[in-house]
Structure formats: structure tokens, C-alpha cells
């Protein structure tokens, strides 16, 4: 392929794993190559090492030395030819706050609008993904319902504050506290809606039927719900790794014969890592029950991890035993992509080995990515 007809590259920057994958799908559906980064520091490193990025697609709220808005201004100053798309589920930007010629979109993202805008900014794309028949109507209906729930959540939050005995007439700071709680609730719900929309869209993307797609969505939303249950128990602070793994595997285990062995030192990990890990374990469990060790009565899964105190790294290995012979899949599904994405999410790496004796998944990440 010559430079003249090369497909443009779009740098996608998003710290939330599932949302990053959805943004990548939007970019690819628009007809462009997606290059992913978890934070602004990683994005700047990519930009400094290559000169073929046509557009920056970045979330605004991100951890690290720069948020997405500061990243956008830095990119516009150093590389003014790069177009910029900013997205957020929490803030709304004025024209004065944005870099020149940039675009802003609120979450949850409107897929058609995003694709059209990116194509207009960069040029016509080269790829077209045909959506599953019926999927677009389902997502539209679900999105409308979720928006109504968001409005209701604000009303319910006010009622909860009243029940808690916080009276604006009695406490001078009550109004500020109420607004702070509502703003945080609003942000969390919108972020969750964006994740739910991403899960639904990506689950239906390669589904063989609407029924199959809805079944997949149900499983993934169940995993997301269980992850939030764990975080609620830990008051959205650090949660036990062993507890997370047992909670994620429990729906797939047998009450008569334990089919999982889970062993490793007890460490506590941050809320962001909890959700990413729980979603990944759900994909591993789904795959093994359909195609791997747990698809037969004799199959078993070992999940073991250890901590290297010298290098400050965690190494977790999922090993399937006594199951059917496995082979590497012919294409990368959403589940496979999600499993591989966990390594980048946690600044480490993932290895997927399709051994004849059973599938092996290895996660090797720095402890600081799990515990900070």
C-alpha cells in the first residue's frame, strides 16, 4: 500500500477498557485504523514516536499527569494538523475551552453521528461494518430507557438525601452537599450507561442472531453487576482479588463438584481494576463453558497468582485441564479482544496460549496498576 492510499490512523485515548474498545469500533466502522492508549502519557509517547496520526479521539476525565482536555491542547500546540475529538460523560465544554477546530461529544456516544463526524474531519473511510438486523432498533430503545432512568436517578437521589435527615433549612452546607452528590451520581450513571451501551453494541456486532446477541449481553451485564456488588461491599475502595475471582467464577461453578481451584496471596485492588478484571474473568468463564475445559464433565480450571516482591509485579495464570483439544480461533471476537485488552489497561501484558492440553491465559502486570 502506498502512502497516497494508506488508511488514516486515529489515536484513541480512554482509560475505561470497555469504552475504549467501543471507541475503537467506531473508528474502525468509520473506515480508519485505531491506535489505542490508556492515558495521556501513553498517548504523548505514541505521538512523539510516529508522524502518521490524523485524528486524536480522547476522553476528558482520565488519571495521570494530563487529563484529556490538557492533552488536546498540548497536541494542538505541537501538532496543529491533527484533528481532535473530545468526549465526556461528566463535563460540557464551551468553544472557548476547546482547542481550535476540535469537536466535543457527550457520553453515551451516538454512533452514527460520531462516524459521520470523524469521516468529515479525516475523509471518507474505507471499511463498512453491516450491523446485525434488528440490533440498531434494540439499542435505540434501550438507550431511550436508560436516559429516562438517568433523570429518575436524580429525583431519587434528592429523596434519599431527605430521608438521611439532611435539611437545607437546618444545614448551611446541605445544598452544596446535595449538588456534589447529584453531580457524582450523574457522572457515575452516565459512565455506566456508556459501558452498558458499549457492551450491547459490541455483543450484537458479531452475533449470529438477535437471540444469541441478547444472551451474550445478559451474561456481560451480569458480570458488570457482580463487579459493582463487590465494590459496594468495599465502599468503592480496594477489594480483595480472591473475592473478586470467586465472585466472577461462582455462576459457572458446580455445587456438587468444585470445578475451579483459586489460589494466591490476598491483595486488594482498586475499583477500576475490579471491573476490568471481573469482565475479563467472565469472558474466560463463558469461553471455557462453551468450548474449553468446562464444556465436558471432567474439565477443571486452575486460577493461581503470585507476587514478585522484587519487581513489584503480579502474575496470574488461568489454566484449563482435562478438557477437549483446543485450537486458536480464526478471528478475534469481542471477548478475545477484551481478554487481551486487560494487559494494556493495567500497563502490563497478556498471553493467550491455545495448548492442545488446554487453554492458558497469563496476565503479568505491575502492582502499582492494581493498587494505586
Protein backbone atom coordinates (compact mmCIF):
# COMPACT_ATOMS: atom_id res chain seq x y z
CA UNK A 1 0.00 0.00 0.00
CA UNK A 2 1.44 3.36 -0.98
CA UNK A 3 1.35 6.42 1.22
CA UNK A 4 -1.19 8.03 -1.11
CA UNK A 5 -3.87 5.42 -0.44
CA UNK A 6 -2.89 4.45 3.11
CA UNK A 7 -5.73 4.28 5.60
CA UNK A 8 -5.51 7.19 8.10
CA UNK A 9 -4.72 6.44 11.75
CA UNK A 10 -6.80 7.65 14.70
CA UNK A 11 -5.32 7.67 18.21
CA UNK A 12 -7.98 6.58 20.74
CA UNK A 13 -7.29 7.58 24.36
CA UNK A 14 -9.65 6.16 27.01
CA UNK A 15 -8.83 4.70 30.43
CA UNK A 16 -12.02 2.61 30.72
CA UNK A 17 -11.40 -0.71 28.94
CA UNK A 18 -14.88 -1.42 27.54
CA UNK A 19 -15.40 2.21 26.44
CA UNK A 20 -12.01 2.21 24.74
CA UNK A 21 -12.98 -0.88 22.78
CA UNK A 22 -16.26 0.76 21.74
CA UNK A 23 -14.42 3.88 20.59
CA UNK A 24 -12.08 1.68 18.56
CA UNK A 25 -15.10 0.04 16.91
CA UNK A 26 -16.49 3.47 15.98
CA UNK A 27 -13.16 4.46 14.44
CA UNK A 28 -12.89 1.19 12.51
CA UNK A 29 -16.51 1.40 11.36
CA UNK A 30 -15.71 4.87 10.04
CA UNK A 31 -13.02 3.21 7.92
CA UNK A 32 -9.83 4.11 9.78
CA UNK A 33 -7.09 2.36 11.74
CA UNK A 34 -7.34 2.72 15.52
CA UNK A 35 -4.25 3.04 17.71
CA UNK A 36 -5.08 2.80 21.41
CA UNK A 37 -3.71 4.43 24.54
CA UNK A 38 -4.88 4.10 28.15
CA UNK A 39 -3.89 7.60 29.30
CA UNK A 40 -2.43 10.89 28.12
CA UNK A 41 1.15 9.95 28.98
CA UNK A 42 0.93 6.88 26.76
CA UNK A 43 -0.72 8.96 24.03
CA UNK A 44 2.08 11.55 24.05
CA UNK A 45 4.66 8.79 23.83
CA UNK A 46 2.90 7.39 20.75
CA UNK A 47 2.63 10.81 19.11
CA UNK A 48 6.32 11.54 19.69
CA UNK A 49 7.33 8.24 18.11
CA UNK A 50 5.30 8.46 14.89
CA UNK A 51 4.08 11.05 12.39
CA UNK A 52 1.06 9.30 10.83
CA UNK A 53 -1.74 10.21 13.27
CA UNK A 54 -4.60 12.07 11.57
CA UNK A 55 -7.01 12.45 14.50
CA UNK A 56 -6.96 12.32 18.29
CA UNK A 57 -10.09 10.79 19.89
CA UNK A 58 -9.85 11.31 23.64
CA UNK A 59 -11.91 11.09 26.80
CA UNK A 60 -11.60 14.14 29.07
CA UNK A 61 -11.66 12.51 32.53
CA UNK A 62 -8.52 10.39 32.84
CA UNK A 63 -5.94 9.64 35.52
CA UNK A 64 -2.33 10.64 35.05
CA UNK A 65 -0.34 13.83 34.65
CA UNK A 66 -2.72 15.20 31.99
CA UNK A 67 -6.45 14.90 31.54
CA UNK A 68 -7.95 14.66 28.06
CA UNK A 69 -8.55 18.39 27.67
CA UNK A 70 -4.96 19.29 28.58
CA UNK A 71 -3.80 16.53 26.24
CA UNK A 72 -5.88 18.02 23.43
CA UNK A 73 -4.38 21.49 23.92
CA UNK A 74 -0.86 20.05 24.07
CA UNK A 75 -1.44 18.09 20.86
CA UNK A 76 -2.94 21.08 19.06
CA UNK A 77 0.04 23.23 20.06
CA UNK A 78 2.69 20.70 18.97
CA UNK A 79 0.89 19.01 16.08
CA UNK A 80 -1.71 21.52 14.78
CA UNK A 81 -2.53 19.36 11.74
CA UNK A 82 -4.00 16.62 13.94
CA UNK A 83 -7.78 16.89 14.21
CA UNK A 84 -9.28 16.40 17.70
CA UNK A 85 -12.47 14.82 19.06
CA UNK A 86 -13.18 15.20 22.79
CA UNK A 87 -15.77 13.09 24.65
CA UNK A 88 -17.05 13.13 28.21
CA UNK A 89 -19.90 11.86 30.33
CA UNK A 90 -19.39 14.50 33.02
CA UNK A 91 -18.40 17.89 31.64
CA UNK A 92 -19.67 20.04 28.80
CA UNK A 93 -17.14 22.21 27.03
CA UNK A 94 -17.64 25.70 25.67
CA UNK A 95 -15.99 26.72 22.42
CA UNK A 96 -13.53 28.83 24.43
CA UNK A 97 -12.35 25.78 26.38
CA UNK A 98 -11.73 23.57 23.36
CA UNK A 99 -8.71 23.69 21.06
CA UNK A 100 -9.39 25.35 17.73
CA UNK A 101 -11.28 23.20 15.18
CA UNK A 102 -11.93 20.41 17.69
CA UNK A 103 -15.28 18.67 18.26
CA UNK A 104 -16.97 17.65 21.52
CA UNK A 105 -19.44 14.79 22.14
CA UNK A 106 -21.20 13.74 25.33
CA UNK A 107 -21.45 10.15 26.51
CA UNK A 108 -23.14 7.80 25.81
CA UNK A 109 -21.81 8.26 22.27
CA UNK A 110 -24.20 8.46 19.31
CA UNK A 111 -22.53 6.00 16.95
CA UNK A 112 -23.88 7.28 13.63
CA UNK A 113 -23.09 10.90 14.48
CA UNK A 114 -19.59 10.00 15.62
CA UNK A 115 -18.84 8.01 12.47
CA UNK A 116 -20.12 10.80 10.23
CA UNK A 117 -18.16 13.46 12.14
CA UNK A 118 -14.90 11.51 12.05
CA UNK A 119 -15.30 10.85 8.35
CA UNK A 120 -15.95 14.54 7.73
CA UNK A 121 -12.89 15.56 9.76
CA UNK A 122 -10.48 13.00 8.32
CA UNK A 123 -12.01 11.98 4.99
CA UNK A 124 -14.13 9.12 3.72
CA UNK A 125 -13.33 5.78 5.31
CA UNK A 126 -12.61 2.51 3.56
CA UNK A 127 -14.47 -0.04 5.67
CA UNK A 128 -18.14 -0.73 6.29
CA UNK A 129 -19.49 -2.96 9.06
CA UNK A 130 -23.01 -4.21 8.40
CA UNK A 131 -24.96 -4.21 11.68
CA UNK A 132 -26.94 -7.26 12.70
CA UNK A 133 -30.54 -6.91 11.53
CA UNK A 134 -32.66 -5.70 14.42
CA UNK A 135 -29.68 -4.65 16.57
CA UNK A 136 -29.98 -0.91 15.85
CA UNK A 137 -33.65 -0.84 16.90
CA UNK A 138 -32.86 -2.70 20.12
CA UNK A 139 -30.03 -0.32 21.04
CA UNK A 140 -32.16 2.75 20.28
CA UNK A 141 -34.95 1.53 22.55
CA UNK A 142 -32.51 0.59 25.31
CA UNK A 143 -30.76 3.96 25.09
CA UNK A 144 -34.06 5.84 25.44
CA UNK A 145 -34.96 3.77 28.50
CA UNK A 146 -31.57 4.37 30.09
CA UNK A 147 -31.84 8.13 29.60
CA UNK A 148 -35.18 8.11 31.43
CA UNK A 149 -33.56 6.15 34.25
CA UNK A 150 -30.85 8.80 34.49
CA UNK A 151 -33.46 11.52 35.01
CA UNK A 152 -35.27 9.41 37.60
CA UNK A 153 -31.99 8.76 39.44
CA UNK A 154 -31.59 12.49 40.09
CA UNK A 155 -35.08 12.65 41.59
CA UNK A 156 -34.46 9.57 43.71
CA UNK A 157 -31.18 11.00 44.99
CA UNK A 158 -32.98 14.07 46.35
CA UNK A 159 -35.44 11.81 48.16
CA UNK A 160 -32.60 9.78 49.66
CA UNK A 161 -30.94 12.92 50.98
CA UNK A 162 -34.19 13.96 52.63
CA UNK A 163 -34.53 10.50 54.21
CA UNK A 164 -30.99 10.80 55.53
CA UNK A 165 -32.05 13.86 57.50
CA UNK A 166 -30.11 16.42 55.50
CA UNK A 167 -32.30 19.53 55.64
CA UNK A 168 -31.25 22.62 53.71
CA UNK A 169 -33.05 24.82 56.21
CA UNK A 170 -31.07 23.38 59.10
CA UNK A 171 -27.66 22.96 57.48
CA UNK A 172 -26.00 25.68 55.54
CA UNK A 173 -23.88 23.23 53.54
CA UNK A 174 -26.77 20.89 52.64
CA UNK A 175 -27.39 22.41 49.20
CA UNK A 176 -23.73 22.16 48.26
CA UNK A 177 -23.54 18.60 49.56
CA UNK A 178 -26.67 17.63 47.68
CA UNK A 179 -25.33 19.09 44.44
CA UNK A 180 -21.99 17.36 44.95
CA UNK A 181 -23.69 14.00 45.45
CA UNK A 182 -26.01 14.53 42.48
CA UNK A 183 -23.10 15.53 40.23
CA UNK A 184 -21.17 12.42 41.25
CA UNK A 185 -24.25 10.24 40.82
CA UNK A 186 -24.90 11.79 37.42
CA UNK A 187 -21.34 11.11 36.31
CA UNK A 188 -21.33 7.52 37.55
CA UNK A 189 -24.68 6.72 35.95
CA UNK A 190 -23.70 8.26 32.62
CA UNK A 191 -20.43 6.37 32.66
CA UNK A 192 -22.29 3.15 33.46
CA UNK A 193 -24.80 3.85 30.68
CA UNK A 194 -21.91 4.32 28.27
CA UNK A 195 -20.42 0.99 29.36
CA UNK A 196 -23.81 -0.74 29.04
CA UNK A 197 -24.27 0.72 25.57
CA UNK A 198 -20.79 -0.38 24.57
CA UNK A 199 -21.37 -3.91 25.85
CA UNK A 200 -24.69 -4.13 23.99
CA UNK A 201 -23.31 -2.74 20.74
CA UNK A 202 -20.20 -4.93 20.73
CA UNK A 203 -22.12 -8.05 21.77
CA UNK A 204 -24.55 -7.61 18.87
CA UNK A 205 -21.78 -6.69 16.46
CA UNK A 206 -20.72 -10.26 15.68
CA UNK A 207 -23.76 -12.13 16.97
CA UNK A 208 -25.20 -14.84 14.71
CA UNK A 209 -28.76 -13.88 15.72
CA UNK A 210 -30.54 -11.34 17.89
CA UNK A 211 -31.30 -14.09 20.43
CA UNK A 212 -27.61 -15.02 20.62
CA UNK A 213 -26.66 -11.37 20.97
CA UNK A 214 -29.13 -10.77 23.78
CA UNK A 215 -27.89 -13.87 25.63
CA UNK A 216 -24.34 -12.57 25.39
CA UNK A 217 -25.39 -9.12 26.60
CA UNK A 218 -27.18 -10.68 29.57
CA UNK A 219 -24.03 -12.53 30.64
CA UNK A 220 -21.79 -9.50 30.33
CA UNK A 221 -24.18 -7.20 32.16
CA UNK A 222 -24.44 -9.83 34.90
CA UNK A 223 -20.65 -9.75 35.26
CA UNK A 224 -20.72 -5.93 35.42
CA UNK A 225 -23.42 -6.09 38.08
CA UNK A 226 -21.46 -8.58 40.20
CA UNK A 227 -18.39 -6.35 39.96
CA UNK A 228 -20.42 -3.39 41.24
CA UNK A 229 -21.78 -5.55 44.07
CA UNK A 230 -18.20 -6.27 45.16
CA UNK A 231 -17.34 -2.57 45.01
CA UNK A 232 -20.39 -1.65 47.06
CA UNK A 233 -19.32 -4.16 49.72
CA UNK A 234 -15.92 -2.49 49.78
CA UNK A 235 -17.49 1.01 49.69
CA UNK A 236 -15.84 1.57 46.30
CA UNK A 237 -12.42 1.20 47.90
CA UNK A 238 -9.91 -1.59 47.36
CA UNK A 239 -11.45 -5.07 47.00
CA UNK A 240 -9.90 -8.49 47.63
CA UNK A 241 -8.51 -10.18 44.50
CA UNK A 242 -9.52 -13.64 45.78
CA UNK A 243 -13.04 -12.39 46.50
CA UNK A 244 -13.30 -10.91 43.00
CA UNK A 245 -12.23 -14.16 41.36
CA UNK A 246 -14.59 -16.29 43.44
CA UNK A 247 -17.48 -13.94 42.74
CA UNK A 248 -16.76 -13.90 39.00
CA UNK A 249 -16.50 -17.71 38.71
CA UNK A 250 -19.35 -18.66 41.06
CA UNK A 251 -22.12 -18.56 38.40
CA UNK A 252 -20.13 -21.05 36.32
CA UNK A 253 -19.13 -23.42 39.12
CA UNK A 254 -20.82 -26.66 40.17
CA UNK A 255 -22.31 -27.10 43.63
CA UNK A 256 -21.68 -30.84 43.51
CA UNK A 257 -18.06 -30.77 42.30
CA UNK A 258 -15.88 -27.68 42.51
CA UNK A 259 -14.57 -27.00 39.02
CA UNK A 260 -12.31 -24.08 39.91
CA UNK A 261 -9.19 -24.03 42.07
CA UNK A 262 -8.36 -20.47 43.12
CA UNK A 263 -5.12 -19.86 44.98
CA UNK A 264 -2.79 -16.95 45.66
CA UNK A 265 -1.80 -14.31 48.23
CA UNK A 266 -4.57 -11.95 49.28
CA UNK A 267 -4.08 -8.50 47.82
CA UNK A 268 -6.56 -5.65 47.42
CA UNK A 269 -7.03 -3.88 44.10
CA UNK A 270 -8.60 -0.59 43.00
CA UNK A 271 -12.15 -0.13 41.73
CA UNK A 272 -11.11 0.40 38.10
CA UNK A 273 -9.11 -2.81 38.10
CA UNK A 274 -12.01 -4.68 39.76
CA UNK A 275 -14.40 -4.02 36.88
CA UNK A 276 -11.83 -4.75 34.18
CA UNK A 277 -10.74 -7.99 35.85
CA UNK A 278 -14.31 -9.15 36.55
CA UNK A 279 -15.33 -8.58 32.92
CA UNK A 280 -12.27 -10.47 31.70
CA UNK A 281 -12.87 -13.45 34.00
CA UNK A 282 -16.48 -13.55 32.77
CA UNK A 283 -15.22 -13.87 29.19
CA UNK A 284 -12.83 -16.64 30.20
CA UNK A 285 -15.65 -18.46 32.00
CA UNK A 286 -18.02 -18.07 29.06
CA UNK A 287 -15.45 -19.42 26.63
CA UNK A 288 -14.46 -22.39 28.76
CA UNK A 289 -18.09 -23.46 29.28
CA UNK A 290 -18.76 -23.30 25.54
CA UNK A 291 -15.52 -24.56 24.04
CA UNK A 292 -12.97 -25.35 26.75
CA UNK A 293 -12.43 -27.47 29.83
CA UNK A 294 -15.80 -26.79 31.45
CA UNK A 295 -17.68 -27.89 28.32
CA UNK A 296 -17.11 -31.50 29.47
CA UNK A 297 -17.82 -33.10 32.90
CA UNK A 298 -14.17 -33.93 33.60
CA UNK A 299 -12.82 -30.44 32.92
CA UNK A 300 -11.24 -28.20 35.54
CA UNK A 301 -9.78 -24.67 35.74
CA UNK A 302 -6.88 -23.58 37.94
CA UNK A 303 -6.52 -19.87 38.71
CA UNK A 304 -3.27 -19.09 40.51
CA UNK A 305 -1.30 -15.93 41.06
CA UNK A 306 1.87 -14.80 42.78
CA UNK A 307 3.53 -11.50 43.59
CA UNK A 308 7.15 -10.77 42.72
CA UNK A 309 8.29 -8.63 45.66
CA UNK A 310 11.48 -7.61 43.86
CA UNK A 311 9.97 -6.43 40.56
CA UNK A 312 6.65 -5.49 42.21
CA UNK A 313 4.57 -7.38 39.67
CA UNK A 314 1.59 -9.72 39.80
CA UNK A 315 1.44 -12.78 37.57
CA UNK A 316 -1.91 -14.56 37.26
CA UNK A 317 -2.37 -17.76 35.27
CA UNK A 318 -5.67 -19.33 34.19
CA UNK A 319 -5.06 -22.97 33.19
CA UNK A 320 -7.70 -25.29 31.72
CA UNK A 321 -7.28 -29.03 32.28
CA UNK A 322 -8.94 -32.31 31.22
CA UNK A 323 -11.00 -30.66 28.52
CA UNK A 324 -11.21 -31.14 24.76
CA UNK A 325 -8.32 -30.26 22.49
CA UNK A 326 -8.35 -26.56 21.67
CA UNK A 327 -7.22 -24.57 18.65
CA UNK A 328 -6.61 -20.89 18.08
CA UNK A 329 -9.81 -19.18 16.80
CA UNK A 330 -9.90 -17.97 13.21
CA UNK A 331 -10.98 -14.44 14.17
CA UNK A 332 -10.71 -12.11 17.17
CA UNK A 333 -14.13 -11.76 18.77
CA UNK A 334 -15.09 -9.03 21.24
CA UNK A 335 -14.45 -11.48 24.09
CA UNK A 336 -10.97 -12.32 22.82
CA UNK A 337 -10.18 -8.64 22.33
CA UNK A 338 -11.43 -7.85 25.83
CA UNK A 339 -9.24 -10.58 27.37
CA UNK A 340 -6.19 -9.23 25.58
CA UNK A 341 -7.02 -5.61 26.39
CA UNK A 342 -6.72 -6.19 30.14
CA UNK A 343 -2.93 -6.22 29.84
CA UNK A 344 -2.81 -2.76 28.27
CA UNK A 345 -5.45 -1.50 30.70
CA UNK A 346 -3.13 -2.39 33.60
CA UNK A 347 0.14 -1.38 31.89
CA UNK A 348 1.31 -4.97 31.58
CA UNK A 349 0.78 -7.73 29.07
CA UNK A 350 -1.42 -10.75 28.39
CA UNK A 351 -0.56 -14.03 26.72
CA UNK A 352 -3.15 -16.42 25.25
CA UNK A 353 -1.83 -19.95 24.64
CA UNK A 354 -4.04 -22.45 22.83
CA UNK A 355 -2.21 -25.56 24.01
CA UNK A 356 -3.54 -28.98 22.86
CA UNK A 357 -3.86 -29.91 26.52
CA UNK A 358 -5.94 -26.83 27.32
CA UNK A 359 -6.16 -23.07 27.00
CA UNK A 360 -3.81 -20.98 29.20
CA UNK A 361 -4.28 -17.28 29.92
CA UNK A 362 -1.42 -15.36 31.55
CA UNK A 363 -1.66 -11.85 32.97
CA UNK A 364 1.56 -10.07 34.03
CA UNK A 365 1.12 -6.53 35.39
CA UNK A 366 2.86 -4.10 37.76
CA UNK A 367 1.34 -3.95 41.24
CA UNK A 368 1.01 -0.16 41.04
CA UNK A 369 -1.60 -0.59 38.28
CA UNK A 370 -3.72 -2.69 40.60
CA UNK A 371 -3.25 -0.92 43.89
CA UNK A 372 -2.97 2.82 43.13
